[in-house]
Amino acid sequence: MTIKAQLTELITEAIRGASAEGGFDLQEAPQIKIEYPKEDRFGDYSTPFALESARIFRRAPLDIAALLKPYLETSPLVQKVEIAKPGFINIFLSLDYLYRVLQEVLREKELYGRSSEGKPRKVNIEFVSANPTGPLNIVSARAAAVGDTIANLLEASGHSVEREFYVNDYGNQVYLLGKSVLVRYRELEGADVAFPDEGYHGEYIRDIAAEIREQYRDQVASIADEESLIAFMAEKAIAHNVEGQKEDLEKFNVCFARWFREKTLHEGGDVPKALEFLESKGHVYEEEGKKVFRSTDYGDDKDRVVMRDDGRPTYFLADIAYHKNKMDRGYDEIIDIWGPDHHGYIARLSGAMKSMGFEGFRILIAQQVNLIMDGELVKMSKRLGNFSTMSELLDDIGTDVARYFFIMRSLDSHLDFDIALAKRQSSENPVFYLQYAHARICSIFREAESRGIANAAGTASLSYLDNPESINLLKLMAKFPEEIQDAANTCEPHRISTYLLRLAQGYHKFYTEHRILSDDPDATASYMMLCDGVRIVLRNGLKLLGVSAPERM
């Protein structure tokens, strides 16, 4: 149970205990909020309960806080309680409790931080879902790192998670891809043909054409119809690109349980069925031969066409059909991560989900990534072929650094990805800084072993841990499970990267202030126990981010 959950129970019991004296009614009490104070001097945790319940209980906030204080102070969790105007209750954790948490860390090892509080949910998270018209680019890499880490956090919080990639293998973009490959194929055959204005110009198109020419030349020669040739080229190009995307993602430590192809929606009749379903609920009307979804009923700025007057479905209707397919698979929650150019779609698709009776739908937007090389911005365009691919980035800086850099900023903020910093082997590079903290602890244990010092895990003298540096580390380790839960609930994996940096900073400070291996066996045992706990939490946290924890650097 997290500290926040324990404090919530403790305050609830305090209200029960003080009810006779204060005339409190638990059924009328507001929800108990547990917060982190902005400054350490205001405690480790704080609650505004006294303030928020004053009007309900008809008592002054300070009076309510004073009534609850003695009940809270009886808990072994609490060292002391302070009341601050206008009615905050500030709680300081006891060293005895923190020591028990350290023992829990050492006992649970790789399981520490994982929990199953609350009701487990079946969650589908769809991310990356790049068009199969070329290699994955840098924005896709950001979505991959963030999406996979959110899935890790949800799993660590006790939920069942399925990662999904939506392959957009239907529509005009696929036609243009096939046409582009066909032109390059004919060029290889010696023909002089015009390239389509809206085609894909990247060098990879020539590579695909050459591969098709080598493997399917006789089959191509047997196809006389131009449209059939374009479709054939598109099919082979998509297979090539999707396989390449899978390889890049696996290199990035991202594996999808399901690769869902849009084409199957159209071939299986799911798109017209989705329209029929919406019509049966009264959410669609007809206007000038078109069929229109009432998206303004759900906060959109205008109603949206789902069927054109010539009977062709819009992309929006296909998206509705796809998400109805997800609904029908029985998920409790569905999360989509979209690119920065999809803001306008949020209201309409969220509205469609609500109209179909699904409330657990969440859309996250992965903002633009600015790739900085030698102080200059690298322009990216898949169609023009002058983009930097995800694969090139991983080859250049490695998976660990790439994943961390994509995760370390909030998803809804633009990210300047500094290649020079990513390559730097110094404390300026946050990945190096974190991994070095873990490697430093491992080196201490190797040195202890070489000196014949046993790792006396489970035994420590509290007097050696009763100092600011040790207590700071103990408090940070104690917060790790709720940091995971908070990051999972808010879909904000950057909170874990921030937390790990604080832990590493705290450890490096502890290391400079205290001699870990000394002639004092009690001090050595106590500090080794503390170091081991930090090592476990660092490793567990880095694993959630998809980053390795090296033992030597």
Protein backbone atom coordinates (compact mmCIF):
# COMPACT_ATOMS: atom_id res chain seq x y z
CA MET A 1 0.00 0.00 0.00
CA THR A 2 1.37 3.43 -0.92
CA ILE A 3 2.03 6.06 1.73
CA LYS A 4 -0.79 8.18 0.32
CA ALA A 5 -3.20 5.27 0.71
CA GLN A 6 -2.00 4.62 4.26
CA LEU A 7 -2.40 8.29 5.18
CA THR A 8 -5.91 8.34 3.70
CA GLU A 9 -6.85 5.39 5.93
CA LEU A 10 -5.15 7.03 8.91
CA ILE A 11 -7.06 10.30 8.47
CA THR A 12 -10.32 8.38 8.00
CA GLU A 13 -9.71 6.59 11.31
CA ALA A 14 -8.80 9.90 12.97
CA ILE A 15 -12.12 11.39 11.84
CA ARG A 16 -13.92 8.39 13.32
CA GLY A 17 -12.03 8.79 16.56
CA ALA A 18 -12.69 12.52 16.76
CA SER A 19 -16.32 12.32 15.61
CA ALA A 20 -17.80 12.24 19.11
CA GLU A 21 -15.75 15.19 20.24
CA GLY A 22 -16.14 17.22 17.06
CA GLY A 23 -19.58 16.20 15.89
CA PHE A 24 -18.21 14.94 12.57
CA ASP A 25 -20.31 12.88 10.20
CA LEU A 26 -18.17 10.61 8.04
CA GLN A 27 -20.89 10.33 5.43
CA GLU A 28 -20.77 14.08 4.87
CA ALA A 29 -16.97 14.35 4.91
CA PRO A 30 -15.31 15.50 1.68
CA GLN A 31 -12.85 13.31 -0.18
CA ILE A 32 -9.51 13.20 1.61
CA LYS A 33 -6.70 14.69 -0.47
CA ILE A 34 -3.06 13.88 0.21
CA GLU A 35 -0.54 16.27 -1.33
CA TYR A 36 3.21 16.86 -1.48
CA PRO A 37 4.13 20.16 0.23
CA LYS A 38 6.04 22.63 -1.93
CA GLU A 39 8.78 22.94 0.71
CA ASP A 40 10.37 20.28 2.94
CA ARG A 41 9.79 22.38 6.04
CA PHE A 42 6.05 21.82 5.60
CA GLY A 43 6.41 18.07 6.01
CA ASP A 44 6.59 15.05 3.75
CA TYR A 45 2.84 15.03 3.08
CA SER A 46 0.04 17.48 3.68
CA THR A 47 -3.73 17.43 3.60
CA PRO A 48 -6.18 20.32 3.20
CA PHE A 49 -8.97 18.22 4.74
CA ALA A 50 -9.58 20.61 7.65
CA LEU A 51 -9.99 23.51 5.25
CA GLU A 52 -12.28 21.64 2.86
CA SER A 53 -14.50 20.22 5.62
CA ALA A 54 -14.89 23.41 7.69
CA ARG A 55 -18.17 24.48 6.10
CA ILE A 56 -19.60 20.96 6.24
CA PHE A 57 -18.67 20.34 9.89
CA ARG A 58 -19.35 23.98 10.87
CA ARG A 59 -16.07 24.23 12.70
CA ALA A 60 -13.02 26.44 12.14
CA PRO A 61 -10.31 24.69 10.04
CA LEU A 62 -7.72 25.07 12.79
CA ASP A 63 -10.11 23.51 15.32
CA ILE A 64 -10.72 20.52 13.05
CA ALA A 65 -6.98 20.09 12.49
CA ALA A 66 -6.34 20.29 16.26
CA LEU A 67 -8.93 17.56 16.92
CA LEU A 68 -7.37 15.22 14.34
CA LYS A 69 -3.72 15.86 15.29
CA PRO A 70 -3.45 13.59 18.37
CA TYR A 71 -5.06 10.68 16.54
CA LEU A 72 -2.59 11.01 13.65
CA GLU A 73 0.41 11.18 15.96
CA THR A 74 -0.33 7.74 17.41
CA SER A 75 0.54 6.02 14.11
CA PRO A 76 4.02 4.44 13.76
CA LEU A 77 4.01 5.94 10.26
CA VAL A 78 4.19 9.45 11.69
CA GLN A 79 7.06 11.23 13.43
CA LYS A 80 5.15 14.45 14.05
CA VAL A 81 2.16 16.48 12.84
CA GLU A 82 2.15 20.24 12.45
CA ILE A 83 -0.83 22.51 11.83
CA ALA A 84 -0.28 25.47 9.54
CA LYS A 85 -2.64 28.36 8.87
CA PRO A 86 -5.22 28.54 7.50
CA GLY A 87 -5.76 24.84 8.30
CA PHE A 88 -3.27 22.54 6.61
CA ILE A 89 -2.23 19.37 8.40
CA ASN A 90 1.45 18.67 7.67
CA ILE A 91 2.76 15.17 8.31
CA PHE A 92 6.37 14.09 8.82
CA LEU A 93 7.28 10.41 8.36
CA SER A 94 9.06 8.52 11.13
CA LEU A 95 12.54 7.06 10.71
CA ASP A 96 11.29 3.70 12.04
CA TYR A 97 8.72 3.54 9.23
CA LEU A 98 11.29 4.54 6.60
CA TYR A 99 13.61 1.81 7.83
CA ARG A 100 10.83 -0.75 7.44
CA VAL A 101 10.35 0.47 3.87
CA LEU A 102 14.06 -0.08 3.20
CA GLN A 103 13.70 -3.64 4.45
CA GLU A 104 10.73 -4.06 2.11
CA VAL A 105 12.81 -2.82 -0.84
CA LEU A 106 15.56 -5.34 -0.09
CA ARG A 107 13.03 -8.12 0.39
CA GLU A 108 10.96 -7.49 -2.75
CA LYS A 109 13.88 -6.54 -5.03
CA GLU A 110 12.66 -6.35 -8.67
CA LEU A 111 9.03 -6.43 -7.50
CA TYR A 112 9.38 -3.30 -5.37
CA GLY A 113 7.25 -0.48 -6.71
CA ARG A 114 4.72 -2.77 -8.38
CA SER A 115 1.24 -2.86 -6.88
CA SER A 116 -2.33 -3.94 -7.48
CA GLU A 117 -4.23 -1.31 -5.52
CA GLY A 118 -7.70 -0.53 -6.78
CA LYS A 119 -9.59 -2.44 -9.45
CA PRO A 120 -7.42 -3.94 -12.23
CA ARG A 121 -8.38 -2.71 -15.70
CA LYS A 122 -8.04 -4.24 -19.14
CA VAL A 123 -6.35 -1.52 -21.17
CA ASN A 124 -5.66 -1.12 -24.88
CA ILE A 125 -2.99 1.41 -25.78
CA GLU A 126 -2.45 2.22 -29.44
CA PHE A 127 0.62 4.24 -30.34
CA VAL A 128 3.07 5.00 -33.15
CA SER A 129 0.65 3.74 -35.88
CA ALA A 130 2.78 5.48 -38.51
CA ASN A 131 1.65 5.26 -42.10
CA PRO A 132 3.28 2.26 -43.81
CA THR A 133 4.69 4.51 -46.50
CA GLY A 134 8.26 4.59 -45.23
CA PRO A 135 10.60 4.12 -42.25
CA LEU A 136 9.70 5.41 -38.80
CA ASN A 137 10.82 8.98 -38.14
CA ILE A 138 11.76 10.88 -34.98
CA VAL A 139 8.20 11.81 -33.96
CA SER A 140 7.24 8.13 -34.21
CA ALA A 141 10.22 7.30 -32.00
CA ARG A 142 8.93 9.67 -29.32
CA ALA A 143 5.48 8.09 -29.43
CA ALA A 144 7.08 4.64 -29.24
CA ALA A 145 9.14 5.46 -26.15
CA VAL A 146 6.30 7.22 -24.35
CA GLY A 147 3.60 4.71 -25.29
CA ASP A 148 5.64 1.70 -24.27
CA THR A 149 6.61 3.33 -20.96
CA ILE A 150 2.98 4.20 -20.18
CA ALA A 151 2.13 0.55 -20.85
CA ASN A 152 4.95 -0.52 -18.49
CA LEU A 153 3.63 1.81 -15.79
CA LEU A 154 0.07 0.54 -16.16
CA GLU A 155 1.29 -3.06 -15.91
CA ALA A 156 3.34 -2.17 -12.82
CA SER A 157 0.13 -0.75 -11.33
CA GLY A 158 -1.65 -4.08 -11.70
CA HIS A 159 -3.49 -3.57 -15.00
CA SER A 160 -3.64 -5.87 -18.02
CA VAL A 161 -2.30 -4.00 -21.06
CA GLU A 162 -2.32 -4.75 -24.79
CA ARG A 163 -0.06 -2.69 -27.05
CA GLU A 164 -1.50 -2.11 -30.52
CA PHE A 165 -0.23 -0.66 -33.81
CA TYR A 166 -2.80 0.48 -36.40
CA VAL A 167 -1.56 -0.05 -39.95
CA ASN A 168 -3.19 2.50 -42.30
CA ASP A 169 -3.00 0.27 -45.38
CA TYR A 170 -6.06 1.66 -47.16
CA GLY A 171 -6.81 4.81 -49.12
CA ASN A 172 -5.08 7.40 -51.27
CA GLN A 173 -1.71 7.34 -49.50
CA VAL A 174 -1.39 3.63 -50.28
CA TYR A 175 -2.27 4.31 -53.93
CA LEU A 176 0.43 7.02 -54.12
CA LEU A 177 2.94 4.67 -52.54
CA GLY A 178 2.20 1.99 -55.13
CA LYS A 179 2.41 4.50 -57.95
CA SER A 180 5.74 5.84 -56.67
CA VAL A 181 7.25 2.34 -56.48
CA LEU A 182 5.94 1.46 -59.95
CA VAL A 183 7.65 4.51 -61.46
CA ARG A 184 10.96 3.62 -59.79
CA TYR A 185 10.53 0.01 -60.95
CA ARG A 186 10.08 1.13 -64.56
CA GLU A 187 13.13 3.38 -64.25
CA LEU A 188 15.14 0.31 -63.26
CA GLU A 189 13.76 -1.33 -66.39
CA GLY A 190 15.15 1.56 -68.45
CA ALA A 191 11.91 3.45 -69.02
CA ASP A 192 11.70 7.26 -68.88
CA VAL A 193 8.54 7.97 -66.89
CA ALA A 194 7.22 11.03 -65.06
CA PHE A 195 7.18 10.83 -61.27
CA PRO A 196 3.82 11.70 -59.63
CA ASP A 197 3.81 15.17 -58.04
CA GLU A 198 2.38 13.83 -54.78
CA GLY A 199 4.52 10.71 -54.76
CA TYR A 200 7.12 9.57 -52.23
CA HIS A 201 10.62 10.70 -53.25
CA GLY A 202 12.75 8.99 -50.61
CA GLU A 203 15.66 6.77 -51.64
CA TYR A 204 13.94 3.88 -49.85
CA ILE A 205 11.37 3.82 -52.69
CA ARG A 206 14.16 2.84 -55.11
CA ASP A 207 15.28 0.13 -52.68
CA ILE A 208 11.76 -1.31 -52.52
CA ALA A 209 11.46 -1.23 -56.31
CA ALA A 210 14.78 -3.04 -56.67
CA GLU A 211 13.69 -5.68 -54.16
CA ILE A 212 10.40 -6.27 -56.01
CA ARG A 213 12.29 -6.47 -59.33
CA GLU A 214 14.63 -9.10 -57.91
CA GLN A 215 11.95 -11.25 -56.27
CA TYR A 216 8.77 -10.75 -58.34
CA ARG A 217 9.88 -9.77 -61.85
CA ASP A 218 7.98 -12.56 -63.60
CA GLN A 219 4.85 -11.88 -61.57
CA VAL A 220 5.00 -8.18 -62.41
CA ALA A 221 5.40 -8.98 -66.10
CA SER A 222 2.20 -11.05 -65.99
CA ILE A 223 0.07 -8.15 -64.73
CA ALA A 224 -1.23 -6.13 -67.67
CA ASP A 225 -3.69 -3.82 -65.93
CA GLU A 226 -2.16 -0.53 -64.65
CA GLU A 227 -4.33 -0.29 -61.54
CA SER A 228 -3.57 -3.89 -60.65
CA LEU A 229 0.15 -3.15 -61.03
CA ILE A 230 -0.12 -0.17 -58.69
CA ALA A 231 -2.01 -2.30 -56.16
CA PHE A 232 0.63 -5.03 -56.39
CA MET A 233 3.45 -2.55 -55.86
CA ALA A 234 1.60 -1.01 -52.91
CA GLU A 235 1.04 -4.40 -51.30
CA LYS A 236 4.72 -5.36 -51.52
CA ALA A 237 5.87 -1.89 -50.40
CA ILE A 238 3.62 -1.99 -47.35
CA ALA A 239 4.86 -5.47 -46.42
CA HIS A 240 8.45 -4.22 -46.75
CA ASN A 241 7.84 -1.06 -44.73
CA VAL A 242 5.84 -2.74 -41.96
CA GLU A 243 8.55 -5.38 -41.54
CA GLY A 244 11.13 -2.60 -41.31
CA GLN A 245 9.01 -0.76 -38.75
CA LYS A 246 8.75 -3.93 -36.66
CA GLU A 247 12.52 -4.39 -36.73
CA ASP A 248 13.15 -0.75 -35.72
CA LEU A 249 10.67 -0.98 -32.85
CA GLU A 250 12.13 -4.24 -31.55
CA LYS A 251 15.56 -2.57 -31.58
CA PHE A 252 13.92 0.15 -29.48
CA ASN A 253 12.63 -2.45 -26.98
CA VAL A 254 9.03 -1.95 -28.14
CA CYS A 255 6.93 -4.98 -29.08
CA PHE A 256 3.26 -4.83 -30.07
CA ALA A 257 0.84 -7.62 -29.24
CA ARG A 258 -1.40 -6.68 -32.17
CA TRP A 259 -0.79 -5.14 -35.58
CA PHE A 260 -4.28 -4.18 -36.75
CA ARG A 261 -4.72 -3.49 -40.48
CA GLU A 262 -7.24 -0.90 -41.59
CA LYS A 263 -7.87 -2.94 -44.73
CA THR A 264 -9.56 -5.65 -42.66
CA LEU A 265 -12.21 -3.15 -41.50
CA HIS A 266 -13.27 -2.46 -45.07
CA GLU A 267 -13.03 -6.07 -46.23
CA GLY A 268 -15.02 -7.31 -43.23
CA GLY A 269 -17.82 -4.77 -43.58
CA ASP A 270 -17.06 -3.10 -40.24
CA VAL A 271 -17.25 0.41 -41.69
CA PRO A 272 -20.88 0.29 -42.90
CA LYS A 273 -21.82 -1.62 -39.74
CA ALA A 274 -20.46 1.22 -37.62
CA LEU A 275 -22.61 3.67 -39.58
CA GLU A 276 -25.67 1.49 -39.07
CA PHE A 277 -24.97 1.39 -35.34
CA LEU A 278 -24.72 5.19 -35.10
CA GLU A 279 -27.91 5.59 -37.15
CA SER A 280 -29.76 3.17 -34.90
CA LYS A 281 -28.88 5.40 -31.92
CA GLY A 282 -30.06 8.55 -33.69
CA HIS A 283 -26.59 10.11 -33.88
CA VAL A 284 -26.55 10.56 -37.67
CA TYR A 285 -28.68 12.70 -39.97
CA GLU A 286 -28.77 13.22 -43.75
CA GLU A 287 -27.93 16.54 -45.41
CA GLU A 288 -27.61 17.15 -49.17
CA GLY A 289 -27.10 13.44 -49.79
CA LYS A 290 -24.39 13.15 -47.14
CA LYS A 291 -24.65 11.37 -43.81
CA VAL A 292 -23.48 13.49 -40.91
CA PHE A 293 -22.53 12.59 -37.32
CA ARG A 294 -23.90 14.91 -34.62
CA SER A 295 -20.48 15.66 -33.12
CA THR A 296 -21.59 19.10 -31.85
CA ASP A 297 -23.64 17.19 -29.26
CA TYR A 298 -20.28 16.22 -27.73
CA GLY A 299 -18.42 19.52 -27.83
CA ASP A 300 -17.11 19.59 -31.42
CA ASP A 301 -17.27 22.88 -33.31
CA LYS A 302 -19.31 21.37 -36.15
CA ASP A 303 -21.01 18.14 -37.18
CA ARG A 304 -18.86 15.77 -39.24
CA VAL A 305 -19.59 13.95 -42.49
CA VAL A 306 -19.23 10.18 -42.20
CA MET A 307 -20.60 9.20 -45.64
CA ARG A 308 -20.10 11.29 -48.77
CA ASP A 309 -22.94 11.92 -51.22
CA ASP A 310 -21.38 9.40 -53.63
CA GLY A 311 -21.59 6.66 -50.99
CA ARG A 312 -17.89 6.61 -50.05
CA PRO A 313 -17.08 6.54 -46.31
CA THR A 314 -14.86 9.25 -44.86
CA TYR A 315 -11.67 8.57 -42.93
CA PHE A 316 -13.60 9.57 -39.82
CA LEU A 317 -16.09 6.73 -40.28
CA ALA A 318 -13.23 4.26 -40.67
CA ASP A 319 -11.76 5.58 -37.39
CA ILE A 320 -15.14 5.10 -35.70
CA ALA A 321 -15.34 1.54 -37.02
CA TYR A 322 -11.83 0.81 -35.77
CA HIS A 323 -12.60 2.10 -32.29
CA LYS A 324 -15.89 0.24 -32.16
CA ASN A 325 -13.85 -2.86 -32.95
CA LYS A 326 -11.71 -2.06 -29.90
CA MET A 327 -14.81 -1.52 -27.77
CA ASP A 328 -16.19 -4.88 -28.83
CA ARG A 329 -13.01 -6.57 -27.63
CA GLY A 330 -14.01 -5.71 -24.06
CA TYR A 331 -11.45 -3.19 -22.85
CA ASP A 332 -12.15 -1.09 -19.77
CA GLU A 333 -9.93 1.70 -21.04
CA ILE A 334 -8.69 2.66 -24.51
CA ILE A 335 -5.75 5.04 -24.91
CA ASP A 336 -4.59 6.53 -28.23
CA ILE A 337 -1.35 8.45 -28.73
CA TRP A 338 -1.52 10.68 -31.80
CA GLY A 339 0.88 12.97 -33.61
CA PRO A 340 0.96 16.78 -33.25
CA ASP A 341 -1.23 17.42 -36.31
CA HIS A 342 -4.28 15.58 -34.93
CA HIS A 343 -5.63 18.06 -32.35
CA GLY A 344 -8.73 18.72 -34.46
CA TYR A 345 -9.75 15.07 -34.34
CA ILE A 346 -9.95 14.77 -30.57
CA ALA A 347 -13.44 16.19 -30.04
CA ARG A 348 -15.06 14.31 -32.91
CA LEU A 349 -13.66 10.86 -32.10
CA SER A 350 -14.16 11.31 -28.34
CA GLY A 351 -17.73 12.27 -29.13
CA ALA A 352 -18.20 9.20 -31.30
CA MET A 353 -16.96 6.98 -28.48
CA LYS A 354 -19.37 8.59 -26.02
CA SER A 355 -22.23 8.23 -28.50
CA MET A 356 -21.51 4.50 -28.62
CA GLY A 357 -21.60 4.30 -24.81
CA PHE A 358 -17.86 4.11 -24.05
CA GLU A 359 -16.50 6.49 -21.40
CA GLY A 360 -12.99 5.14 -20.79
CA PHE A 361 -11.38 6.70 -23.87
CA ARG A 362 -8.31 8.91 -23.68
CA ILE A 363 -6.31 10.65 -26.40
CA LEU A 364 -2.75 11.87 -25.84
CA ILE A 365 -0.95 14.13 -28.29
CA ALA A 366 2.79 13.63 -28.85
CA GLN A 367 4.07 17.09 -29.65
CA GLN A 368 6.68 17.90 -32.26
CA VAL A 369 10.29 16.83 -31.87
CA ASN A 370 13.00 19.22 -33.01
CA LEU A 371 16.14 17.27 -33.79
CA ILE A 372 19.18 19.48 -33.22
CA MET A 373 22.46 18.58 -34.90
CA ASP A 374 25.50 20.87 -34.71
CA GLY A 375 23.26 23.65 -33.45
CA GLU A 376 20.95 23.47 -36.47
CA LEU A 377 17.42 22.15 -36.86
CA VAL A 378 17.08 19.03 -39.01
CA LYS A 379 14.02 19.23 -41.25
CA MET A 380 11.96 16.08 -41.55
CA SER A 381 9.67 15.13 -44.42
CA LYS A 382 8.87 11.53 -45.29
CA ARG A 383 7.53 12.41 -48.72
CA LEU A 384 10.53 14.51 -49.78
CA GLY A 385 12.97 11.98 -48.42
CA ASN A 386 15.12 14.36 -46.35
CA PHE A 387 14.11 13.04 -42.94
CA SER A 388 16.17 11.44 -40.18
CA THR A 389 14.87 8.00 -39.41
CA MET A 390 14.40 6.39 -36.05
CA SER A 391 16.83 3.65 -37.10
CA GLU A 392 19.55 6.19 -37.92
CA LEU A 393 19.08 7.84 -34.53
CA LEU A 394 19.37 4.53 -32.65
CA ASP A 395 22.50 3.61 -34.59
CA ASP A 396 23.98 6.98 -33.70
CA ILE A 397 23.21 7.30 -29.97
CA GLY A 398 21.79 3.94 -28.83
CA THR A 399 18.48 2.80 -27.42
CA ASP A 400 19.04 3.81 -23.78
CA VAL A 401 19.77 7.46 -24.49
CA ALA A 402 17.07 7.75 -27.15
CA ARG A 403 14.34 6.30 -24.94
CA TYR A 404 15.25 8.46 -21.96
CA PHE A 405 15.50 11.69 -23.97
CA PHE A 406 12.06 11.10 -25.51
CA ILE A 407 10.55 10.37 -22.09
CA MET A 408 12.17 13.10 -20.00
CA ARG A 409 9.82 15.88 -21.14
CA SER A 410 6.05 16.02 -20.85
CA LEU A 411 4.38 14.56 -23.94
CA ASP A 412 2.33 17.72 -24.48
CA SER A 413 5.43 19.94 -24.76
CA HIS A 414 7.73 20.36 -27.74
CA LEU A 415 11.02 18.51 -27.42
CA ASP A 416 14.40 19.78 -28.58
CA PHE A 417 16.47 16.62 -28.96
CA ASP A 418 20.11 17.65 -28.64
CA ILE A 419 22.28 15.02 -30.34
CA ALA A 420 25.51 16.48 -28.94
CA LEU A 421 24.21 16.23 -25.37
CA ALA A 422 22.88 12.71 -26.00
CA LYS A 423 26.39 11.58 -27.01
CA ARG A 424 28.15 13.26 -24.09
CA GLN A 425 29.66 10.87 -21.54
CA SER A 426 29.40 13.21 -18.56
CA SER A 427 27.07 14.21 -15.75
CA GLU A 428 25.48 16.75 -18.12
CA ASN A 429 23.85 13.81 -19.87
CA PRO A 430 21.01 12.64 -17.58
CA VAL A 431 21.21 9.05 -18.85
CA PHE A 432 24.93 8.84 -18.07
CA TYR A 433 24.25 10.45 -14.68
CA LEU A 434 21.60 7.88 -13.75
CA GLN A 435 23.46 4.86 -15.04
CA TYR A 436 26.64 6.03 -13.33
CA ALA A 437 24.83 6.15 -9.97
CA HIS A 438 23.80 2.52 -10.43
CA ALA A 439 27.26 1.47 -11.62
CA ARG A 440 28.91 3.32 -8.72
CA ILE A 441 26.87 1.31 -6.20
CA CYS A 442 27.73 -1.93 -7.99
CA SER A 443 31.42 -1.03 -7.80
CA ILE A 444 31.09 -0.48 -4.03
CA PHE A 445 29.72 -3.99 -3.62
CA ARG A 446 32.54 -5.42 -5.76
CA GLU A 447 35.06 -3.59 -3.60
CA ALA A 448 33.34 -4.86 -0.43
CA GLU A 449 33.54 -8.41 -1.76
CA SER A 450 37.22 -8.03 -2.56
CA ARG A 451 37.82 -6.90 1.04
CA GLY A 452 35.85 -9.81 2.41
CA ILE A 453 33.04 -7.58 3.70
CA ALA A 454 29.74 -9.45 3.66
CA ASN A 455 26.57 -7.70 2.54
CA ALA A 456 24.71 -7.71 5.85
CA ALA A 457 21.33 -7.06 4.22
CA GLY A 458 18.53 -6.72 6.73
CA THR A 459 20.67 -5.37 9.55
CA ALA A 460 21.33 -1.71 10.14
CA SER A 461 21.73 0.71 12.99
CA LEU A 462 19.21 3.54 12.77
CA SER A 463 21.68 5.90 14.33
CA TYR A 464 23.80 5.76 11.17
CA LEU A 465 20.77 6.46 8.98
CA ASP A 466 19.65 9.41 11.07
CA ASN A 467 21.24 12.09 8.91
CA PRO A 468 19.83 14.40 6.20
CA GLU A 469 21.39 12.52 3.24
CA SER A 470 20.26 9.06 4.34
CA ILE A 471 16.78 10.23 5.34
CA ASN A 472 16.35 11.94 1.97
CA LEU A 473 17.16 8.67 0.19
CA LEU A 474 14.82 6.69 2.45
CA LYS A 475 11.95 9.09 1.76
CA LEU A 476 12.55 8.98 -1.98
CA MET A 477 12.57 5.18 -1.99
CA ALA A 478 9.38 5.11 0.06
CA LYS A 479 7.64 7.29 -2.56
CA PHE A 480 8.58 5.08 -5.52
CA PRO A 481 5.36 2.95 -5.60
CA GLU A 482 3.10 6.02 -5.59
CA GLU A 483 5.29 7.74 -8.18
CA ILE A 484 4.55 4.78 -10.44
CA GLN A 485 0.83 4.92 -9.71
CA ASP A 486 0.64 8.67 -10.23
CA ALA A 487 2.57 8.47 -13.51
CA ALA A 488 0.34 5.59 -14.70
CA ASN A 489 -2.92 7.32 -13.76
CA THR A 490 -1.93 10.58 -15.47
CA CYS A 491 -0.11 8.93 -18.40
CA GLU A 492 2.95 11.07 -17.60
CA PRO A 493 6.05 8.88 -17.77
CA HIS A 494 8.34 11.92 -17.50
CA ARG A 495 7.47 11.93 -13.79
CA ILE A 496 9.53 8.74 -13.39
CA SER A 497 12.54 10.21 -15.20
CA THR A 498 12.33 13.27 -12.93
CA TYR A 499 12.00 11.07 -9.85
CA LEU A 500 15.03 8.95 -10.81
CA LEU A 501 17.16 12.05 -11.30
CA ARG A 502 16.25 13.23 -7.79
CA LEU A 503 17.16 9.81 -6.42
CA ALA A 504 20.51 9.81 -8.25
CA GLN A 505 21.24 13.35 -7.10
CA GLY A 506 20.43 12.33 -3.55
CA TYR A 507 22.72 9.33 -3.81
CA HIS A 508 25.67 11.23 -5.24
CA LYS A 509 25.35 13.73 -2.37
CA PHE A 510 25.16 10.89 0.16
CA TYR A 511 28.27 9.33 -1.39
CA THR A 512 30.30 12.53 -0.99
CA GLU A 513 29.23 13.03 2.64
CA HIS A 514 29.60 9.50 4.03
CA ARG A 515 32.31 6.87 3.89
CA ILE A 516 30.47 3.67 3.03
CA LEU A 517 33.20 1.05 3.53
CA SER A 518 34.97 1.75 6.81
CA ASP A 519 36.47 0.08 9.86
CA ASP A 520 33.15 0.47 11.68
CA PRO A 521 31.19 -2.72 10.81
CA ASP A 522 27.84 -1.26 11.96
CA ALA A 523 28.25 1.86 9.85
CA THR A 524 29.39 -0.21 6.87
CA ALA A 525 26.42 -2.60 7.17
CA SER A 526 23.96 0.29 7.51
CA TYR A 527 25.31 2.20 4.52
CA MET A 528 25.58 -0.91 2.34
CA MET A 529 21.97 -1.69 3.13
CA LEU A 530 20.97 1.81 2.10
CA CYS A 531 23.07 1.62 -1.08
CA ASP A 532 21.50 -1.70 -2.00
CA GLY A 533 18.03 -0.20 -1.66
CA VAL A 534 18.94 2.73 -3.93
CA ARG A 535 20.45 0.32 -6.46
CA ILE A 536 17.24 -1.74 -6.57
CA VAL A 537 14.99 1.28 -7.03
CA LEU A 538 17.23 2.80 -9.71
CA ARG A 539 17.25 -0.48 -11.62
CA ASN A 540 13.49 -0.95 -11.30
CA GLY A 541 12.82 2.63 -12.39
CA LEU A 542 15.16 2.45 -15.39
CA LYS A 543 13.53 -0.82 -16.44
CA LEU A 544 10.13 0.92 -16.52
CA LEU A 545 11.62 3.47 -18.91
CA GLY A 546 13.14 0.74 -21.09
CA VAL A 547 16.67 1.83 -20.14
CA SER A 548 19.42 -0.54 -19.00
CA ALA A 549 21.15 -0.35 -15.62
CA PRO A 550 24.82 -1.21 -16.29
CA GLU A 551 26.98 -2.55 -13.48
CA ARG A 552 30.17 -1.11 -14.95
CA MET A 553 30.85 2.10 -16.87
